[in-house]
Protein backbone atom coordinates (compact mmCIF):
# COMPACT_ATOMS: atom_id res chain seq x y z
CA UNK A 1 -5.69 33.94 10.89
CA UNK A 2 -6.82 37.37 9.79
CA UNK A 3 -4.27 37.29 6.97
CA UNK A 4 -5.89 34.12 5.61
CA UNK A 5 -9.18 35.96 5.18
CA UNK A 6 -7.63 38.73 3.08
CA UNK A 7 -7.80 38.52 -0.73
CA UNK A 8 -4.78 36.95 -2.45
CA UNK A 9 -1.76 39.16 -2.79
CA UNK A 10 -0.87 40.72 -6.11
CA UNK A 11 2.81 40.70 -5.13
CA UNK A 12 4.42 37.65 -6.78
CA UNK A 13 6.92 37.22 -3.93
CA UNK A 14 4.18 37.08 -1.31
CA UNK A 15 2.12 34.71 -3.45
CA UNK A 16 5.14 32.42 -3.83
CA UNK A 17 5.79 32.52 -0.09
CA UNK A 18 2.16 31.73 0.70
CA UNK A 19 2.16 28.81 -1.76
CA UNK A 20 5.32 27.38 -0.20
CA UNK A 21 3.75 27.59 3.25
CA UNK A 22 0.66 25.83 1.99
CA UNK A 23 2.78 23.10 0.38
CA UNK A 24 4.68 22.58 3.63
CA UNK A 25 1.43 22.37 5.60
CA UNK A 26 0.07 19.76 3.20
CA UNK A 27 3.30 17.76 3.51
CA UNK A 28 3.15 17.90 7.31
CA UNK A 29 -0.46 16.75 7.22
CA UNK A 30 0.50 13.78 5.04
CA UNK A 31 3.32 12.85 7.42
CA UNK A 32 1.08 13.07 10.48
CA UNK A 33 -1.62 11.00 8.79
CA UNK A 34 0.90 8.34 7.80
CA UNK A 35 2.23 8.20 11.36
CA UNK A 36 -1.29 7.85 12.71
CA UNK A 37 -2.12 5.13 10.18
CA UNK A 38 1.08 3.27 10.99
CA UNK A 39 0.41 3.45 14.72
CA UNK A 40 -3.17 2.23 14.27
CA UNK A 41 -1.92 -0.63 12.12
CA UNK A 42 0.55 -1.67 14.80
CA UNK A 43 -1.93 -1.33 17.63
CA UNK A 44 -0.01 1.43 19.36
CA UNK A 45 -1.92 2.97 22.22
CA UNK A 46 -3.57 -0.28 23.24
CA UNK A 47 -0.53 -1.50 25.15
CA UNK A 48 2.76 -0.01 26.27
CA UNK A 49 4.93 -2.54 24.42
CA UNK A 50 3.84 -1.47 20.92
CA UNK A 51 5.45 1.95 21.07
CA UNK A 52 8.95 0.63 20.47
CA UNK A 53 7.77 -1.18 17.34
CA UNK A 54 6.05 1.98 16.09
CA UNK A 55 9.25 3.98 16.51
CA UNK A 56 11.19 1.39 14.54
CA UNK A 57 8.56 1.33 11.79
CA UNK A 58 8.54 5.13 11.53
CA UNK A 59 12.35 5.28 11.47
CA UNK A 60 12.49 3.74 7.99
CA UNK A 61 13.59 6.27 5.38
CA UNK A 62 10.75 7.94 3.55
CA UNK A 63 10.51 7.92 -0.21
CA UNK A 64 8.79 11.33 -0.16
CA UNK A 65 11.01 14.26 -1.03
CA UNK A 66 11.77 16.89 1.57
CA UNK A 67 11.66 20.45 0.33
């Protein structure tokens, strides 16, 4: 957390590393949001029987590239 408050690094390797971490965090956020949206759309959480359908829906291959 303290590292995030420091000014950006002048070292290109550290800057590249930090950008990759940020990209991965953004990707994870997108995945989690899509899972939440899919589960809300299927009504998961309202009854116990919907969880199996949510797992099947989330098991479809993603078109997003993995880095």
